[in-house]
């Protein structure tokens, strides 16, 4: 991740926008990796563990991952509109929107990790 230097003349809004965008880019990068990883784990579950139910869970999670990733890409393009805010109501809307995507991301990652742990536990048995 690229580090940004902020200056005294930067507005709070500019700094917040940069930080939100950086955070969003981290989520997108992470979910992009999860796409590949869940595919690999589904193949392991199917081919090595012979567990079709676990494979199906991973494939469902992969579909959910793709859906959330798509939402984040769409959000990434809309976040530019935040700079057009000129009142508190607009600012609050984008703050709440960002928090909504954060919650969705965290919930998905928690769910994915539980399934991933199932794969690892079955490998260790």
N, C-alpha and C. Protein backbone atom coordinates (compact mmCIF):
# COMPACT_ATOMS: atom_id res chain seq x y z
N UNK A 1 0.84 -1.17 0.00
CA UNK A 1 0.00 0.00 0.00
C UNK A 1 0.89 1.24 0.00
N UNK A 2 0.50 2.16 -0.78
CA UNK A 2 1.23 3.40 -0.93
C UNK A 2 0.95 4.33 0.25
N UNK A 3 1.99 4.93 0.78
CA UNK A 3 1.83 5.87 1.88
C UNK A 3 1.63 7.27 1.33
N UNK A 4 0.71 7.99 1.94
CA UNK A 4 0.47 9.36 1.53
C UNK A 4 1.00 10.31 2.57
N UNK A 5 1.53 11.41 2.11
CA UNK A 5 1.96 12.47 2.99
C UNK A 5 0.90 13.55 2.94
N UNK A 6 0.48 13.97 4.11
CA UNK A 6 -0.52 15.03 4.18
C UNK A 6 0.16 16.32 4.61
N UNK A 7 -0.43 17.40 4.18
CA UNK A 7 0.14 18.71 4.46
C UNK A 7 -0.86 19.56 5.22
N UNK A 8 -0.36 20.63 5.81
CA UNK A 8 -1.22 21.52 6.59
C UNK A 8 -2.35 22.12 5.77
N UNK A 9 -2.13 22.30 4.48
CA UNK A 9 -3.17 22.92 3.65
C UNK A 9 -4.22 21.92 3.18
N UNK A 10 -4.01 20.62 3.42
CA UNK A 10 -5.02 19.62 3.06
C UNK A 10 -6.23 19.77 3.97
N UNK A 11 -7.39 19.69 3.38
CA UNK A 11 -8.62 19.80 4.18
C UNK A 11 -8.91 18.46 4.84
N UNK A 12 -9.73 18.51 5.87
CA UNK A 12 -10.16 17.28 6.53
C UNK A 12 -10.82 16.34 5.53
N UNK A 13 -11.63 16.91 4.66
CA UNK A 13 -12.35 16.11 3.67
C UNK A 13 -11.39 15.39 2.71
N UNK A 14 -10.34 16.10 2.30
CA UNK A 14 -9.36 15.48 1.40
C UNK A 14 -8.64 14.32 2.08
N UNK A 15 -8.28 14.52 3.32
CA UNK A 15 -7.58 13.48 4.07
C UNK A 15 -8.49 12.27 4.28
N UNK A 16 -9.72 12.53 4.67
CA UNK A 16 -10.69 11.44 4.88
C UNK A 16 -10.91 10.68 3.59
N UNK A 17 -11.04 11.39 2.50
CA UNK A 17 -11.27 10.74 1.20
C UNK A 17 -10.09 9.83 0.83
N UNK A 18 -8.89 10.31 1.02
CA UNK A 18 -7.70 9.51 0.70
C UNK A 18 -7.64 8.27 1.60
N UNK A 19 -7.90 8.45 2.88
CA UNK A 19 -7.86 7.33 3.82
C UNK A 19 -8.94 6.29 3.50
N UNK A 20 -10.14 6.75 3.18
CA UNK A 20 -11.22 5.83 2.82
C UNK A 20 -10.87 5.05 1.55
N UNK A 21 -10.31 5.75 0.59
CA UNK A 21 -9.94 5.10 -0.67
C UNK A 21 -8.85 4.06 -0.44
N UNK A 22 -7.87 4.39 0.40
CA UNK A 22 -6.82 3.43 0.73
C UNK A 22 -7.40 2.19 1.40
N UNK A 23 -8.29 2.42 2.35
CA UNK A 23 -8.91 1.30 3.05
C UNK A 23 -9.71 0.43 2.08
N UNK A 24 -10.45 1.06 1.22
CA UNK A 24 -11.24 0.34 0.22
C UNK A 24 -10.34 -0.48 -0.71
N UNK A 25 -9.22 0.09 -1.11
CA UNK A 25 -8.28 -0.64 -1.96
C UNK A 25 -7.72 -1.89 -1.27
N UNK A 26 -7.51 -1.80 0.04
CA UNK A 26 -7.05 -2.96 0.81
C UNK A 26 -8.13 -4.04 0.81
N UNK A 27 -9.38 -3.65 1.02
CA UNK A 27 -10.48 -4.63 1.00
C UNK A 27 -10.56 -5.32 -0.36
N UNK A 28 -10.47 -4.53 -1.42
CA UNK A 28 -10.56 -5.09 -2.77
C UNK A 28 -9.41 -6.05 -3.03
N UNK A 29 -8.22 -5.67 -2.63
CA UNK A 29 -7.05 -6.54 -2.81
C UNK A 29 -7.23 -7.85 -2.04
N UNK A 30 -7.70 -7.74 -0.82
CA UNK A 30 -7.90 -8.92 0.01
C UNK A 30 -8.95 -9.84 -0.60
N UNK A 31 -10.07 -9.29 -1.03
CA UNK A 31 -11.13 -10.11 -1.61
C UNK A 31 -10.71 -10.71 -2.95
N UNK A 32 -9.86 -10.01 -3.67
CA UNK A 32 -9.34 -10.57 -4.93
C UNK A 32 -8.51 -11.82 -4.64
N UNK A 33 -7.73 -11.77 -3.58
CA UNK A 33 -6.96 -12.94 -3.19
C UNK A 33 -7.87 -14.07 -2.70
N UNK A 34 -8.90 -13.71 -1.94
CA UNK A 34 -9.85 -14.71 -1.44
C UNK A 34 -10.52 -15.45 -2.60
N UNK A 35 -10.75 -14.76 -3.71
CA UNK A 35 -11.33 -15.40 -4.89
C UNK A 35 -10.46 -16.58 -5.33
N UNK A 36 -9.16 -16.34 -5.46
CA UNK A 36 -8.24 -17.41 -5.86
C UNK A 36 -8.13 -18.49 -4.78
N UNK A 37 -7.97 -18.04 -3.56
CA UNK A 37 -7.78 -18.99 -2.45
C UNK A 37 -8.99 -19.90 -2.28
N UNK A 38 -10.18 -19.35 -2.37
CA UNK A 38 -11.37 -20.19 -2.19
C UNK A 38 -11.50 -21.21 -3.32
N UNK A 39 -11.07 -20.83 -4.51
CA UNK A 39 -11.07 -21.78 -5.63
C UNK A 39 -10.09 -22.93 -5.35
N UNK A 40 -8.91 -22.59 -4.88
CA UNK A 40 -7.92 -23.63 -4.55
C UNK A 40 -8.44 -24.54 -3.44
N UNK A 41 -9.03 -23.94 -2.41
CA UNK A 41 -9.53 -24.74 -1.30
C UNK A 41 -10.70 -25.63 -1.72
N UNK A 42 -11.53 -25.13 -2.63
CA UNK A 42 -12.64 -25.95 -3.14
C UNK A 42 -12.10 -27.16 -3.89
N UNK A 43 -11.03 -26.97 -4.64
CA UNK A 43 -10.40 -28.09 -5.35
C UNK A 43 -9.79 -29.09 -4.37
N UNK A 44 -9.18 -28.59 -3.32
CA UNK A 44 -8.62 -29.47 -2.29
C UNK A 44 -9.75 -30.26 -1.62
N UNK A 45 -10.83 -29.56 -1.26
CA UNK A 45 -11.96 -30.23 -0.60
C UNK A 45 -12.54 -31.32 -1.50
N UNK A 46 -12.62 -31.04 -2.77
CA UNK A 46 -13.21 -32.00 -3.71
C UNK A 46 -12.25 -33.13 -4.06
N UNK A 47 -11.04 -32.78 -4.46
CA UNK A 47 -10.11 -33.77 -5.01
C UNK A 47 -9.28 -34.51 -3.97
N UNK A 48 -8.94 -33.86 -2.89
CA UNK A 48 -8.07 -34.48 -1.89
C UNK A 48 -8.84 -34.99 -0.67
N UNK A 49 -9.86 -34.22 -0.26
CA UNK A 49 -10.62 -34.61 0.93
C UNK A 49 -11.90 -35.37 0.58
N UNK A 50 -12.25 -35.35 -0.69
CA UNK A 50 -13.50 -35.99 -1.16
C UNK A 50 -14.72 -35.53 -0.37
N UNK A 51 -14.76 -34.25 -0.06
CA UNK A 51 -15.86 -33.67 0.72
C UNK A 51 -16.61 -32.68 -0.18
N UNK A 52 -17.64 -33.19 -0.83
CA UNK A 52 -18.40 -32.36 -1.78
C UNK A 52 -19.18 -31.26 -1.06
N UNK A 53 -19.65 -31.55 0.16
CA UNK A 53 -20.41 -30.54 0.91
C UNK A 53 -19.51 -29.34 1.25
N UNK A 54 -18.29 -29.63 1.67
CA UNK A 54 -17.34 -28.56 1.98
C UNK A 54 -16.97 -27.80 0.71
N UNK A 55 -16.79 -28.54 -0.38
CA UNK A 55 -16.53 -27.89 -1.67
C UNK A 55 -17.66 -26.93 -2.03
N UNK A 56 -18.90 -27.39 -1.86
CA UNK A 56 -20.05 -26.56 -2.19
C UNK A 56 -20.12 -25.31 -1.31
N UNK A 57 -19.78 -25.47 -0.03
CA UNK A 57 -19.74 -24.31 0.87
C UNK A 57 -18.72 -23.29 0.37
N UNK A 58 -17.56 -23.78 -0.03
CA UNK A 58 -16.51 -22.89 -0.54
C UNK A 58 -16.94 -22.21 -1.84
N UNK A 59 -17.62 -22.94 -2.69
CA UNK A 59 -18.09 -22.34 -3.95
C UNK A 59 -19.16 -21.29 -3.69
N UNK A 60 -20.04 -21.54 -2.71
CA UNK A 60 -21.04 -20.53 -2.33
C UNK A 60 -20.35 -19.29 -1.78
N UNK A 61 -19.35 -19.52 -0.95
CA UNK A 61 -18.61 -18.40 -0.37
C UNK A 61 -17.88 -17.63 -1.46
N UNK A 62 -17.38 -18.34 -2.45
CA UNK A 62 -16.70 -17.70 -3.57
C UNK A 62 -17.66 -16.82 -4.37
N UNK A 63 -18.89 -17.30 -4.56
CA UNK A 63 -19.90 -16.49 -5.25
C UNK A 63 -20.23 -15.24 -4.45
N UNK A 64 -20.37 -15.41 -3.14
CA UNK A 64 -20.63 -14.26 -2.26
C UNK A 64 -19.47 -13.28 -2.33
N UNK A 65 -18.26 -13.82 -2.35
CA UNK A 65 -17.06 -12.99 -2.45
C UNK A 65 -17.08 -12.16 -3.73
N UNK A 66 -17.42 -12.80 -4.84
CA UNK A 66 -17.47 -12.10 -6.13
C UNK A 66 -18.53 -11.00 -6.10
N UNK A 67 -19.64 -11.27 -5.46
CA UNK A 67 -20.71 -10.28 -5.36
C UNK A 67 -20.26 -9.06 -4.55
N UNK A 68 -19.64 -9.31 -3.41
CA UNK A 68 -19.16 -8.21 -2.57
C UNK A 68 -18.04 -7.45 -3.28
N UNK A 69 -17.17 -8.17 -3.95
CA UNK A 69 -16.09 -7.53 -4.70
C UNK A 69 -16.66 -6.60 -5.76
N UNK A 70 -17.67 -7.04 -6.45
CA UNK A 70 -18.33 -6.21 -7.46
C UNK A 70 -18.95 -4.96 -6.82
N UNK A 71 -19.59 -5.13 -5.67
CA UNK A 71 -20.16 -3.99 -4.95
C UNK A 71 -19.07 -2.99 -4.57
N UNK A 72 -17.93 -3.50 -4.12
CA UNK A 72 -16.83 -2.61 -3.72
C UNK A 72 -16.25 -1.86 -4.92
N UNK A 73 -16.16 -2.53 -6.06
CA UNK A 73 -15.70 -1.83 -7.27
C UNK A 73 -16.68 -0.72 -7.65
N UNK A 74 -17.97 -1.00 -7.55
CA UNK A 74 -18.97 0.03 -7.85
C UNK A 74 -18.90 1.17 -6.84
N UNK A 75 -18.71 0.83 -5.58
CA UNK A 75 -18.57 1.85 -4.54
C UNK A 75 -17.32 2.69 -4.81
N UNK A 76 -16.25 2.02 -5.25
CA UNK A 76 -14.99 2.72 -5.54
C UNK A 76 -15.20 3.83 -6.58
N UNK A 77 -16.02 3.56 -7.59
CA UNK A 77 -16.27 4.58 -8.61
C UNK A 77 -17.20 5.67 -8.10
N UNK A 78 -18.08 5.34 -7.17
CA UNK A 78 -19.03 6.35 -6.66
C UNK A 78 -18.44 7.22 -5.56
N UNK A 79 -17.37 6.77 -4.94
CA UNK A 79 -16.79 7.50 -3.81
C UNK A 79 -16.26 8.88 -4.24
N UNK A 80 -16.02 9.04 -5.51
CA UNK A 80 -15.56 10.33 -6.04
C UNK A 80 -16.59 11.42 -5.76
N UNK A 81 -17.85 11.04 -5.72
CA UNK A 81 -18.92 12.01 -5.48
C UNK A 81 -18.84 12.62 -4.09
N UNK A 82 -18.11 11.95 -3.18
CA UNK A 82 -17.96 12.48 -1.83
C UNK A 82 -17.36 13.88 -1.87
N UNK A 83 -16.47 14.12 -2.80
CA UNK A 83 -15.84 15.45 -2.91
C UNK A 83 -16.85 16.54 -3.24
N UNK A 84 -18.00 16.16 -3.77
CA UNK A 84 -19.02 17.13 -4.13
C UNK A 84 -19.92 17.51 -2.96
N UNK A 85 -19.76 16.87 -1.82
CA UNK A 85 -20.59 17.17 -0.66
C UNK A 85 -20.34 18.59 -0.18
N UNK A 86 -21.43 19.26 0.12
CA UNK A 86 -21.29 20.62 0.64
C UNK A 86 -22.12 20.83 1.90
N UNK A 87 -22.65 19.74 2.45
CA UNK A 87 -23.37 19.86 3.71
C UNK A 87 -23.16 18.61 4.56
N UNK A 88 -23.52 18.72 5.81
CA UNK A 88 -23.31 17.64 6.76
C UNK A 88 -24.11 16.39 6.40
N UNK A 89 -25.31 16.58 5.90
CA UNK A 89 -26.16 15.44 5.54
C UNK A 89 -25.48 14.56 4.48
N UNK A 90 -24.87 15.18 3.51
CA UNK A 90 -24.15 14.45 2.46
C UNK A 90 -22.94 13.73 3.06
N UNK A 91 -22.19 14.42 3.91
CA UNK A 91 -21.03 13.80 4.56
C UNK A 91 -21.44 12.57 5.36
N UNK A 92 -22.51 12.70 6.12
CA UNK A 92 -22.99 11.59 6.95
C UNK A 92 -23.42 10.42 6.07
N UNK A 93 -24.05 10.72 4.95
CA UNK A 93 -24.46 9.66 4.02
C UNK A 93 -23.25 8.83 3.60
N UNK A 94 -22.17 9.47 3.19
CA UNK A 94 -20.99 8.74 2.73
C UNK A 94 -20.25 8.05 3.87
N UNK A 95 -20.28 8.63 5.04
CA UNK A 95 -19.69 7.97 6.21
C UNK A 95 -20.45 6.69 6.52
N UNK A 96 -21.78 6.78 6.53
CA UNK A 96 -22.61 5.60 6.80
C UNK A 96 -22.47 4.55 5.70
N UNK A 97 -22.37 5.00 4.47
CA UNK A 97 -22.21 4.08 3.35
C UNK A 97 -20.89 3.30 3.49
N UNK A 98 -19.84 4.01 3.84
CA UNK A 98 -18.54 3.36 4.03
C UNK A 98 -18.61 2.33 5.16
N UNK A 99 -19.26 2.71 6.25
CA UNK A 99 -19.41 1.79 7.38
C UNK A 99 -20.23 0.56 7.01
N UNK A 100 -21.22 0.74 6.15
CA UNK A 100 -22.03 -0.38 5.67
C UNK A 100 -21.17 -1.37 4.90
N UNK A 101 -20.33 -0.85 4.01
CA UNK A 101 -19.43 -1.73 3.25
C UNK A 101 -18.39 -2.38 4.15
N UNK A 102 -17.91 -1.65 5.14
CA UNK A 102 -16.96 -2.23 6.09
C UNK A 102 -17.60 -3.40 6.83
N UNK A 103 -18.81 -3.22 7.31
CA UNK A 103 -19.51 -4.30 8.02
C UNK A 103 -19.72 -5.51 7.14
N UNK A 104 -20.11 -5.27 5.90
CA UNK A 104 -20.34 -6.37 4.96
C UNK A 104 -19.03 -7.12 4.70
N UNK A 105 -17.95 -6.38 4.53
CA UNK A 105 -16.62 -6.97 4.29
C UNK A 105 -16.19 -7.83 5.49
N UNK A 106 -16.29 -7.27 6.69
CA UNK A 106 -15.85 -7.98 7.89
C UNK A 106 -16.69 -9.24 8.12
N UNK A 107 -17.99 -9.13 7.94
CA UNK A 107 -18.88 -10.29 8.12
C UNK A 107 -18.52 -11.40 7.13
N UNK A 108 -18.27 -11.02 5.89
CA UNK A 108 -17.90 -12.00 4.86
C UNK A 108 -16.57 -12.67 5.19
N UNK A 109 -15.58 -11.90 5.59
CA UNK A 109 -14.27 -12.46 5.92
C UNK A 109 -14.38 -13.42 7.11
N UNK A 110 -15.18 -13.06 8.11
CA UNK A 110 -15.38 -13.97 9.26
C UNK A 110 -15.99 -15.29 8.80
N UNK A 111 -16.99 -15.21 7.96
CA UNK A 111 -17.65 -16.41 7.44
C UNK A 111 -16.67 -17.25 6.63
N UNK A 112 -15.92 -16.61 5.77
CA UNK A 112 -14.95 -17.31 4.94
C UNK A 112 -13.88 -18.01 5.79
N UNK A 113 -13.40 -17.34 6.81
CA UNK A 113 -12.35 -17.92 7.66
C UNK A 113 -12.84 -19.17 8.38
N UNK A 114 -14.09 -19.17 8.79
CA UNK A 114 -14.64 -20.36 9.46
C UNK A 114 -14.64 -21.56 8.51
N UNK A 115 -15.03 -21.33 7.27
CA UNK A 115 -15.04 -22.42 6.29
C UNK A 115 -13.61 -22.84 5.96
N UNK A 116 -12.73 -21.88 5.84
CA UNK A 116 -11.32 -22.17 5.56
C UNK A 116 -10.72 -23.01 6.69
N UNK A 117 -11.08 -22.69 7.92
CA UNK A 117 -10.61 -23.48 9.06
C UNK A 117 -11.10 -24.92 8.98
N UNK A 118 -12.32 -25.12 8.49
CA UNK A 118 -12.84 -26.48 8.31
C UNK A 118 -11.95 -27.27 7.36
N UNK A 119 -11.53 -26.63 6.29
CA UNK A 119 -10.64 -27.31 5.33
C UNK A 119 -9.34 -27.70 6.02
N UNK A 120 -8.74 -26.76 6.73
CA UNK A 120 -7.47 -27.05 7.40
C UNK A 120 -7.61 -28.16 8.44
N UNK A 121 -8.70 -28.13 9.20
CA UNK A 121 -8.91 -29.17 10.20
C UNK A 121 -9.08 -30.54 9.56
N UNK A 122 -9.76 -30.60 8.43
CA UNK A 122 -9.93 -31.89 7.73
C UNK A 122 -8.60 -32.37 7.14
N UNK A 123 -7.78 -31.45 6.69
CA UNK A 123 -6.45 -31.82 6.17
C UNK A 123 -5.61 -32.42 7.30
N UNK A 124 -5.71 -31.87 8.49
CA UNK A 124 -4.90 -32.32 9.62
C UNK A 124 -5.38 -33.64 10.22
N UNK A 125 -6.59 -34.05 9.90
CA UNK A 125 -7.11 -35.31 10.46
C UNK A 125 -6.50 -36.50 9.79
